[in-house]
Amino acid sequence: MVNLDTPATTGSVHDQKEKRHDIRFRHRFRGGGGMSERVAIVVGAGGELGRATAEKLAAGGFTVVGVDRSEEGLKELPDGIRREVADPTDPAAARAVIDKIAAEVGPPEVLVNTIGTYRLGDALSATPEDLLLMINVNVGPALWLTQAVVPYLRDRGSGAIVHVTARPGLEPTAGMATYAISKAALAYLTRVLDLELRPLGIRVNAVAPQLLDTAKNRPYFTPDVLAHATAPTAVADTIVYLVSDAAGPVSGAVVPAYGA
């Protein structure tokens, strides 16, 4: 459950700057003592989309760290991908896990945030609890994780962030009001972050699947609907492209990944 009483930061601003300076110093001068040159953090790596993205980034030469609040889900990651259990709906936990990875693995170059949840229901039946849950899971972590990772990307003068929104957040869809609202907010946040971070050399984009063909989704949809669902590996390919050097000119995009 989300703890709304948890402070967004821990320690003083001076202490945080000193910690980041120490991480940069060790990264530059340890002489191959285990710190990686290209570190990618994939949040939601316990799910099928996050796992596919982590595997593809690792295959592309990144040192990948998978983060999820489900320890069981992280066990599905292949050897060679580090696992960190954390709940990024908690601002302090999001900052702590990013700082830990930066200190122990290396300052990150890439952040991919794939976590999300959904709840069906029309606008007239929505409850405050429904809306709060959708915002806390689908929007909050994107902001908290971005706040935590940006100091490291800013220090290196470059970096890429990708969030995962959804088609109902771009096109009004009946029957999933609170979910659509939260995904629309995430798409808008992506564009705001682009405007604020692009001058720092940091690119921020999002992908917007319509429906992912995952084990969790299949029980809720009919076969004719699932026939148009997109494989997580296909969406992961789009994410990997967006964080690659080939996508250097691309920032502020919300890329549809609707499938056939």
C-alpha atoms as a PDB file:
ATOM      1  CA  MET A   1       0.000   0.000   0.000  1.00  0.00           C
ATOM      2  CA  VAL A   2       1.092   3.554  -0.616  1.00  0.00           C
ATOM      3  CA  ASN A   3       2.363   5.440   2.414  1.00  0.00           C
ATOM      4  CA  LEU A   4       1.290   9.032   1.877  1.00  0.00           C
ATOM      5  CA  ASP A   5       3.138  10.158   5.000  1.00  0.00           C
ATOM      6  CA  THR A   6       6.578   9.224   3.686  1.00  0.00           C
ATOM      7  CA  PRO A   7       8.745  12.283   2.978  1.00  0.00           C
ATOM      8  CA  ALA A   8       9.899  12.745  -0.602  1.00  0.00           C
ATOM      9  CA  THR A   9      13.562  13.219   0.334  1.00  0.00           C
ATOM     10  CA  THR A  10      15.924  12.083   3.030  1.00  0.00           C
ATOM     11  CA  GLY A  11      18.866  14.020   4.340  1.00  0.00           C
ATOM     12  CA  SER A  12      19.840  17.579   3.515  1.00  0.00           C
ATOM     13  CA  VAL A  13      20.389  18.881   0.004  1.00  0.00           C
ATOM     14  CA  HIS A  14      24.074  19.344   0.866  1.00  0.00           C
ATOM     15  CA  ASP A  15      24.361  15.700   1.965  1.00  0.00           C
ATOM     16  CA  GLN A  16      22.759  14.491  -1.263  1.00  0.00           C
ATOM     17  CA  LYS A  17      25.121  16.593  -3.400  1.00  0.00           C
ATOM     18  CA  GLU A  18      28.118  15.260  -1.481  1.00  0.00           C
ATOM     19  CA  LYS A  19      26.908  11.676  -2.016  1.00  0.00           C
ATOM     20  CA  ARG A  20      26.566  12.214  -5.772  1.00  0.00           C
ATOM     21  CA  HIS A  21      30.009  13.855  -5.935  1.00  0.00           C
ATOM     22  CA  ASP A  22      31.536  10.855  -4.165  1.00  0.00           C
ATOM     23  CA  ILE A  23      29.814   8.457  -6.586  1.00  0.00           C
ATOM     24  CA  ARG A  24      31.150  10.395  -9.593  1.00  0.00           C
ATOM     25  CA  PHE A  25      34.674  10.406  -8.130  1.00  0.00           C
ATOM     26  CA  ARG A  26      34.669   6.653  -7.590  1.00  0.00           C
ATOM     27  CA  HIS A  27      33.185   6.081 -11.030  1.00  0.00           C
ATOM     28  CA  ARG A  28      35.993   8.010 -12.707  1.00  0.00           C
ATOM     29  CA  PHE A  29      38.956   6.862 -10.675  1.00  0.00           C
ATOM     30  CA  ARG A  30      38.371   3.286  -9.517  1.00  0.00           C
ATOM     31  CA  GLY A  31      40.171   2.032 -12.620  1.00  0.00           C
ATOM     32  CA  GLY A  32      37.799  -0.785 -13.535  1.00  0.00           C
ATOM     33  CA  GLY A  33      36.908  -1.711  -9.970  1.00  0.00           C
ATOM     34  CA  GLY A  34      33.433  -2.871 -10.910  1.00  0.00           C
ATOM     35  CA  MET A  35      31.673   0.354 -11.883  1.00  0.00           C
ATOM     36  CA  SER A  36      29.959   0.156 -15.267  1.00  0.00           C
ATOM     37  CA  GLU A  37      30.214   2.789 -17.985  1.00  0.00           C
ATOM     38  CA  ARG A  38      26.634   2.276 -19.239  1.00  0.00           C
ATOM     39  CA  VAL A  39      24.039   1.568 -16.579  1.00  0.00           C
ATOM     40  CA  ALA A  40      20.335   1.162 -17.308  1.00  0.00           C
ATOM     41  CA  ILE A  41      17.684   0.926 -14.600  1.00  0.00           C
ATOM     42  CA  VAL A  42      14.419  -0.820 -15.485  1.00  0.00           C
ATOM     43  CA  VAL A  43      11.641  -0.328 -12.958  1.00  0.00           C
ATOM     44  CA  GLY A  44       8.843  -2.860 -13.109  1.00  0.00           C
ATOM     45  CA  ALA A  45      11.296  -5.550 -14.177  1.00  0.00           C
ATOM     46  CA  GLY A  46       9.218  -8.178 -12.376  1.00  0.00           C
ATOM     47  CA  GLY A  47       6.542  -7.836 -15.065  1.00  0.00           C
ATOM     48  CA  GLU A  48       6.652  -9.148 -18.610  1.00  0.00           C
ATOM     49  CA  LEU A  49       7.288  -5.791 -20.315  1.00  0.00           C
ATOM     50  CA  GLY A  50       9.944  -4.776 -17.806  1.00  0.00           C
ATOM     51  CA  ARG A  51      11.659  -8.148 -18.034  1.00  0.00           C
ATOM     52  CA  ALA A  52      11.696  -8.064 -21.841  1.00  0.00           C
ATOM     53  CA  THR A  53      13.123  -4.544 -21.781  1.00  0.00           C
ATOM     54  CA  ALA A  54      15.807  -5.462 -19.252  1.00  0.00           C
ATOM     55  CA  GLU A  55      16.865  -8.482 -21.298  1.00  0.00           C
ATOM     56  CA  LYS A  56      17.106  -6.475 -24.522  1.00  0.00           C
ATOM     57  CA  LEU A  57      19.093  -3.670 -22.895  1.00  0.00           C
ATOM     58  CA  ALA A  58      21.490  -6.220 -21.408  1.00  0.00           C
ATOM     59  CA  ALA A  59      21.893  -7.825 -24.830  1.00  0.00           C
ATOM     60  CA  GLY A  60      22.684  -4.360 -26.184  1.00  0.00           C
ATOM     61  CA  GLY A  61      25.630  -3.918 -23.860  1.00  0.00           C
ATOM     62  CA  PHE A  62      24.133  -2.131 -20.874  1.00  0.00           C
ATOM     63  CA  THR A  63      24.709  -3.149 -17.302  1.00  0.00           C
ATOM     64  CA  VAL A  64      21.076  -3.514 -16.275  1.00  0.00           C
ATOM     65  CA  VAL A  65      19.506  -3.326 -12.837  1.00  0.00           C
ATOM     66  CA  GLY A  66      15.915  -4.523 -12.524  1.00  0.00           C
ATOM     67  CA  VAL A  67      13.761  -2.939  -9.822  1.00  0.00           C
ATOM     68  CA  ASP A  68      10.368  -4.139  -8.653  1.00  0.00           C
ATOM     69  CA  ARG A  69       8.412  -4.363  -5.431  1.00  0.00           C
ATOM     70  CA  SER A  70       7.800  -8.056  -6.184  1.00  0.00           C
ATOM     71  CA  GLU A  71      10.799 -10.150  -5.230  1.00  0.00           C
ATOM     72  CA  GLU A  72       9.161 -13.170  -6.859  1.00  0.00           C
ATOM     73  CA  GLY A  73       8.803 -11.364 -10.152  1.00  0.00           C
ATOM     74  CA  LEU A  74      12.455 -10.373 -10.157  1.00  0.00           C
ATOM     75  CA  LYS A  75      13.463 -14.032  -9.867  1.00  0.00           C
ATOM     76  CA  GLU A  76      12.371 -14.456 -13.491  1.00  0.00           C
ATOM     77  CA  LEU A  77      15.186 -12.193 -14.680  1.00  0.00           C
ATOM     78  CA  PRO A  78      18.148 -14.007 -16.247  1.00  0.00           C
ATOM     79  CA  ASP A  79      21.530 -14.209 -14.593  1.00  0.00           C
ATOM     80  CA  GLY A  80      23.630 -11.139 -15.213  1.00  0.00           C
ATOM     81  CA  ILE A  81      20.843  -8.677 -14.441  1.00  0.00           C
ATOM     82  CA  ARG A  82      21.032  -7.332 -10.924  1.00  0.00           C
ATOM     83  CA  ARG A  83      17.830  -7.238  -8.891  1.00  0.00           C
ATOM     84  CA  GLU A  84      16.682  -4.613  -6.388  1.00  0.00           C
ATOM     85  CA  VAL A  85      13.427  -4.816  -4.438  1.00  0.00           C
ATOM     86  CA  ALA A  86      11.841  -1.407  -3.889  1.00  0.00           C
ATOM     87  CA  ASP A  87       8.423   0.242  -4.014  1.00  0.00           C
ATOM     88  CA  PRO A  88       8.707   3.361  -6.207  1.00  0.00           C
ATOM     89  CA  THR A  89       5.255   4.578  -5.205  1.00  0.00           C
ATOM     90  CA  ASP A  90       7.117   5.726  -2.079  1.00  0.00           C
ATOM     91  CA  PRO A  91       9.178   8.825  -2.984  1.00  0.00           C
ATOM     92  CA  ALA A  92      11.849   8.056  -0.391  1.00  0.00           C
ATOM     93  CA  ALA A  93      12.160   4.447  -1.561  1.00  0.00           C
ATOM     94  CA  ALA A  94      12.455   5.576  -5.193  1.00  0.00           C
ATOM     95  CA  ARG A  95      15.288   7.934  -4.321  1.00  0.00           C
ATOM     96  CA  ALA A  96      17.024   5.399  -2.095  1.00  0.00           C
ATOM     97  CA  VAL A  97      17.098   2.645  -4.717  1.00  0.00           C
ATOM     98  CA  ILE A  98      18.422   4.976  -7.435  1.00  0.00           C
ATOM     99  CA  ASP A  99      21.153   6.234  -5.090  1.00  0.00           C
ATOM    100  CA  LYS A 100      22.057   2.665  -4.109  1.00  0.00           C
ATOM    101  CA  ILE A 101      22.393   1.583  -7.724  1.00  0.00           C
ATOM    102  CA  ALA A 102      24.476   4.624  -8.584  1.00  0.00           C
ATOM    103  CA  ALA A 103      26.808   3.942  -5.657  1.00  0.00           C
ATOM    104  CA  GLU A 104      27.193   0.193  -6.153  1.00  0.00           C
ATOM    105  CA  VAL A 105      26.883  -0.261  -9.935  1.00  0.00           C
ATOM    106  CA  GLY A 106      27.553   3.139 -11.454  1.00  0.00           C
ATOM    107  CA  PRO A 107      25.762   6.380 -12.273  1.00  0.00           C
ATOM    108  CA  PRO A 108      22.808   5.551 -14.514  1.00  0.00           C
ATOM    109  CA  GLU A 109      22.520   6.605 -18.133  1.00  0.00           C
ATOM    110  CA  VAL A 110      19.031   5.218 -18.748  1.00  0.00           C
ATOM    111  CA  LEU A 111      15.824   4.949 -16.725  1.00  0.00           C
ATOM    112  CA  VAL A 112      12.883   2.906 -17.986  1.00  0.00           C
ATOM    113  CA  ASN A 113       9.706   2.949 -15.914  1.00  0.00           C
ATOM    114  CA  THR A 114       7.222   0.216 -16.861  1.00  0.00           C
ATOM    115  CA  ILE A 115       5.177  -0.103 -13.692  1.00  0.00           C
ATOM    116  CA  GLY A 116       1.454   0.417 -13.784  1.00  0.00           C
ATOM    117  CA  THR A 117      -1.909  -1.002 -12.870  1.00  0.00           C
ATOM    118  CA  TYR A 118      -5.454  -0.633 -14.105  1.00  0.00           C
ATOM    119  CA  ARG A 119      -8.989  -0.679 -12.783  1.00  0.00           C
ATOM    120  CA  LEU A 120     -12.055  -0.919 -14.988  1.00  0.00           C
ATOM    121  CA  GLY A 121     -15.109   1.221 -14.293  1.00  0.00           C
ATOM    122  CA  ASP A 122     -16.956   4.196 -15.729  1.00  0.00           C
ATOM    123  CA  ALA A 123     -16.742   7.760 -14.470  1.00  0.00           C
ATOM    124  CA  LEU A 124     -20.022   7.685 -12.555  1.00  0.00           C
ATOM    125  CA  SER A 125     -18.996   4.654 -10.508  1.00  0.00           C
ATOM    126  CA  ALA A 126     -15.435   5.807  -9.756  1.00  0.00           C
ATOM    127  CA  THR A 127     -14.484   6.209  -6.110  1.00  0.00           C
ATOM    128  CA  PRO A 128     -11.827   8.378  -4.471  1.00  0.00           C
ATOM    129  CA  GLU A 129      -9.925   5.182  -3.673  1.00  0.00           C
ATOM    130  CA  ASP A 130      -9.951   4.158  -7.339  1.00  0.00           C
ATOM    131  CA  LEU A 131      -8.565   7.485  -8.486  1.00  0.00           C
ATOM    132  CA  LEU A 132      -5.958   7.676  -5.740  1.00  0.00           C
ATOM    133  CA  LEU A 133      -4.683   4.182  -6.534  1.00  0.00           C
ATOM    134  CA  MET A 134      -4.362   4.936 -10.257  1.00  0.00           C
ATOM    135  CA  ILE A 135      -2.516   8.199  -9.627  1.00  0.00           C
ATOM    136  CA  ASN A 136      -0.238   6.695  -6.971  1.00  0.00           C
ATOM    137  CA  VAL A 137       0.816   3.788  -9.191  1.00  0.00           C
ATOM    138  CA  ASN A 138       0.597   5.131 -12.732  1.00  0.00           C
ATOM    139  CA  VAL A 139       1.818   8.709 -12.235  1.00  0.00           C
ATOM    140  CA  GLY A 140       3.580   9.117  -8.893  1.00  0.00           C
ATOM    141  CA  PRO A 141       6.492   6.724  -9.515  1.00  0.00           C
ATOM    142  CA  ALA A 142       7.262   8.377 -12.854  1.00  0.00           C
ATOM    143  CA  LEU A 143       7.751  11.680 -11.065  1.00  0.00           C
ATOM    144  CA  TRP A 144       9.597  10.292  -8.026  1.00  0.00           C
ATOM    145  CA  LEU A 145      11.964   8.157 -10.133  1.00  0.00           C
ATOM    146  CA  THR A 146      12.666  11.035 -12.502  1.00  0.00           C
ATOM    147  CA  GLN A 147      13.460  13.336  -9.590  1.00  0.00           C
ATOM    148  CA  ALA A 148      15.841  10.721  -8.207  1.00  0.00           C
ATOM    149  CA  VAL A 149      17.699   9.918 -11.437  1.00  0.00           C
ATOM    150  CA  VAL A 150      18.014  13.395 -12.958  1.00  0.00           C
ATOM    151  CA  PRO A 151      20.936  14.547 -10.770  1.00  0.00           C
ATOM    152  CA  TYR A 152      23.051  11.688 -12.159  1.00  0.00           C
ATOM    153  CA  LEU A 153      22.004  12.320 -15.757  1.00  0.00           C
ATOM    154  CA  ARG A 154      22.568  16.050 -15.345  1.00  0.00           C
ATOM    155  CA  ASP A 155      26.076  15.423 -14.022  1.00  0.00           C
ATOM    156  CA  ARG A 156      26.970  13.370 -17.106  1.00  0.00           C
ATOM    157  CA  GLY A 157      25.296  15.871 -19.439  1.00  0.00           C
ATOM    158  CA  SER A 158      23.113  13.296 -21.126  1.00  0.00           C
ATOM    159  CA  GLY A 159      20.687  10.463 -20.525  1.00  0.00           C
ATOM    160  CA  ALA A 160      17.377   8.967 -21.556  1.00  0.00           C
ATOM    161  CA  ILE A 161      14.151   8.301 -19.675  1.00  0.00           C
ATOM    162  CA  VAL A 162      11.175   6.311 -20.980  1.00  0.00           C
ATOM    163  CA  HIS A 163       7.833   5.937 -19.229  1.00  0.00           C
ATOM    164  CA  VAL A 164       4.947   3.682 -20.254  1.00  0.00           C
ATOM    165  CA  THR A 165       1.534   5.265 -20.680  1.00  0.00           C
ATOM    166  CA  ALA A 166      -1.381   3.758 -22.661  1.00  0.00           C
ATOM    167  CA  ARG A 167      -3.749   4.440 -25.533  1.00  0.00           C
ATOM    168  CA  PRO A 168      -6.678   5.324 -23.203  1.00  0.00           C
ATOM    169  CA  GLY A 169      -4.489   8.140 -21.894  1.00  0.00           C
ATOM    170  CA  LEU A 170      -4.275   9.621 -25.383  1.00  0.00           C
ATOM    171  CA  GLU A 171      -7.760   8.840 -26.710  1.00  0.00           C
ATOM    172  CA  PRO A 172     -10.878   8.981 -24.504  1.00  0.00           C
ATOM    173  CA  THR A 173     -12.045   5.455 -23.729  1.00  0.00           C
ATOM    174  CA  ALA A 174     -15.311   4.577 -22.000  1.00  0.00           C
ATOM    175  CA  GLY A 175     -15.327   2.160 -19.097  1.00  0.00           C
ATOM    176  CA  MET A 176     -11.925   2.888 -17.567  1.00  0.00           C
ATOM    177  CA  ALA A 177     -12.202   6.443 -16.315  1.00  0.00           C
ATOM    178  CA  THR A 178      -9.670   6.547 -13.485  1.00  0.00           C
ATOM    179  CA  TYR A 179      -7.137   4.482 -15.422  1.00  0.00           C
ATOM    180  CA  ALA A 180      -7.437   6.736 -18.465  1.00  0.00           C
ATOM    181  CA  ILE A 181      -7.099   9.855 -16.328  1.00  0.00           C
ATOM    182  CA  SER A 182      -3.890   8.565 -14.755  1.00  0.00           C
ATOM    183  CA  LYS A 183      -2.372   7.545 -18.089  1.00  0.00           C
ATOM    184  CA  ALA A 184      -3.305  10.905 -19.611  1.00  0.00           C
ATOM    185  CA  ALA A 185      -1.539  12.587 -16.699  1.00  0.00           C
ATOM    186  CA  LEU A 186       1.544  10.446 -17.353  1.00  0.00           C
ATOM    187  CA  ALA A 187       1.578  11.400 -21.041  1.00  0.00           C
ATOM    188  CA  TYR A 188       1.333  15.079 -20.090  1.00  0.00           C
ATOM    189  CA  LEU A 189       4.058  14.673 -17.457  1.00  0.00           C
ATOM    190  CA  THR A 190       6.322  13.169 -20.119  1.00  0.00           C
ATOM    191  CA  ARG A 191       5.953  16.294 -22.246  1.00  0.00           C
ATOM    192  CA  VAL A 192       6.506  18.607 -19.278  1.00  0.00           C
ATOM    193  CA  LEU A 193       9.659  16.700 -18.322  1.00  0.00           C
ATOM    194  CA  ASP A 194      10.891  16.966 -21.896  1.00  0.00           C
ATOM    195  CA  LEU A 195      10.600  20.757 -21.793  1.00  0.00           C
ATOM    196  CA  GLU A 196      12.341  20.968 -18.435  1.00  0.00           C
ATOM    197  CA  LEU A 197      15.088  18.404 -19.000  1.00  0.00           C
ATOM    198  CA  ARG A 198      15.975  18.648 -22.683  1.00  0.00           C
ATOM    199  CA  PRO A 199      18.143  21.747 -22.026  1.00  0.00           C
ATOM    200  CA  LEU A 200      20.192  19.531 -19.663  1.00  0.00           C
ATOM    201  CA  GLY A 201      20.818  16.949 -22.405  1.00  0.00           C
ATOM    202  CA  ILE A 202      18.231  14.544 -20.972  1.00  0.00           C
ATOM    203  CA  ARG A 203      15.680  13.033 -23.338  1.00  0.00           C
ATOM    204  CA  VAL A 204      12.255  11.983 -22.011  1.00  0.00           C
ATOM    205  CA  ASN A 205       9.825   9.905 -24.058  1.00  0.00           C
ATOM    206  CA  ALA A 206       6.972   7.488 -23.503  1.00  0.00           C
ATOM    207  CA  VAL A 207       5.412   4.523 -25.262  1.00  0.00           C
ATOM    208  CA  ALA A 208       1.658   3.980 -25.288  1.00  0.00           C
ATOM    209  CA  PRO A 209       0.511   0.381 -25.784  1.00  0.00           C
ATOM    210  CA  GLN A 210      -3.172  -0.340 -26.251  1.00  0.00           C
ATOM    211  CA  LEU A 211      -3.179  -3.807 -24.707  1.00  0.00           C
ATOM    212  CA  LEU A 212      -0.253  -6.031 -23.783  1.00  0.00           C
ATOM    213  CA  ASP A 213      -0.479  -9.760 -24.347  1.00  0.00           C
ATOM    214  CA  THR A 214       0.557 -10.847 -20.857  1.00  0.00           C
ATOM    215  CA  ALA A 215      -0.431 -13.651 -18.527  1.00  0.00           C
ATOM    216  CA  LYS A 216      -2.059 -11.142 -16.174  1.00  0.00           C
ATOM    217  CA  ASN A 217      -4.164  -9.561 -18.909  1.00  0.00           C
ATOM    218  CA  ARG A 218      -5.369 -12.695 -20.705  1.00  0.00           C
ATOM    219  CA  PRO A 219      -8.037 -13.771 -18.154  1.00  0.00           C
ATOM    220  CA  TYR A 220      -9.806 -10.407 -18.469  1.00  0.00           C
ATOM    221  CA  PHE A 221     -10.214 -10.186 -22.245  1.00  0.00           C
ATOM    222  CA  THR A 222     -11.926 -12.242 -24.924  1.00  0.00           C
ATOM    223  CA  PRO A 223      -9.884 -14.044 -27.576  1.00  0.00           C
ATOM    224  CA  ASP A 224     -10.966 -11.608 -30.311  1.00  0.00           C
ATOM    225  CA  VAL A 225      -9.659  -8.688 -28.249  1.00  0.00           C
ATOM    226  CA  LEU A 226      -6.443 -10.498 -27.363  1.00  0.00           C
ATOM    227  CA  ALA A 227      -5.864 -11.175 -31.049  1.00  0.00           C
ATOM    228  CA  HIS A 228      -4.961  -7.489 -31.355  1.00  0.00           C
ATOM    229  CA  ALA A 229      -2.821  -7.319 -28.214  1.00  0.00           C
ATOM    230  CA  THR A 230       0.846  -6.430 -28.557  1.00  0.00           C
ATOM    231  CA  ALA A 231       3.625  -8.723 -27.366  1.00  0.00           C
ATOM    232  CA  PRO A 232       5.731  -7.216 -24.561  1.00  0.00           C
ATOM    233  CA  THR A 233       8.877  -7.972 -26.581  1.00  0.00           C
ATOM    234  CA  ALA A 234       7.617  -5.761 -29.421  1.00  0.00           C
ATOM    235  CA  VAL A 235       6.995  -2.826 -27.083  1.00  0.00           C
ATOM    236  CA  ALA A 236      10.384  -3.469 -25.469  1.00  0.00           C
ATOM    237  CA  ASP A 237      11.992  -3.055 -28.906  1.00  0.00           C
ATOM    238  CA  THR A 238      10.453   0.416 -29.141  1.00  0.00           C
ATOM    239  CA  ILE A 239      11.706   1.324 -25.670  1.00  0.00           C
ATOM    240  CA  VAL A 240      15.218   0.133 -26.480  1.00  0.00           C
ATOM    241  CA  TYR A 241      15.197   2.259 -29.623  1.00  0.00           C
ATOM    242  CA  LEU A 242      14.072   5.355 -27.682  1.00  0.00           C
ATOM    243  CA  VAL A 243      16.988   5.093 -25.252  1.00  0.00           C
ATOM    244  CA  SER A 244      19.518   4.362 -28.003  1.00  0.00           C
ATOM    245  CA  ASP A 245      21.890   6.807 -29.634  1.00  0.00           C
ATOM    246  CA  ALA A 246      19.953   6.331 -32.878  1.00  0.00           C
ATOM    247  CA  ALA A 247      17.000   8.137 -31.250  1.00  0.00           C
ATOM    248  CA  GLY A 248      19.167  11.083 -30.217  1.00  0.00           C
ATOM    249  CA  PRO A 249      16.902  13.694 -31.872  1.00  0.00           C
ATOM    250  CA  VAL A 250      13.742  12.237 -30.288  1.00  0.00           C
ATOM    251  CA  SER A 251      12.441  13.767 -27.069  1.00  0.00           C
ATOM    252  CA  GLY A 252       8.971  14.599 -25.820  1.00  0.00           C
ATOM    253  CA  ALA A 253       7.394  11.885 -27.950  1.00  0.00           C
ATOM    254  CA  VAL A 254       4.577   9.624 -26.836  1.00  0.00           C
ATOM    255  CA  VAL A 255       4.916   6.744 -29.274  1.00  0.00           C
ATOM    256  CA  PRO A 256       1.806   4.657 -30.045  1.00  0.00           C
ATOM    257  CA  ALA A 257       2.387   0.919 -29.751  1.00  0.00           C
ATOM    258  CA  TYR A 258      -1.113  -0.261 -30.561  1.00  0.00           C
ATOM    259  CA  GLY A 259      -0.360  -3.356 -32.591  1.00  0.00           C
ATOM    260  CA  ALA A 260      -2.401  -4.548 -35.559  1.00  0.00           C
END
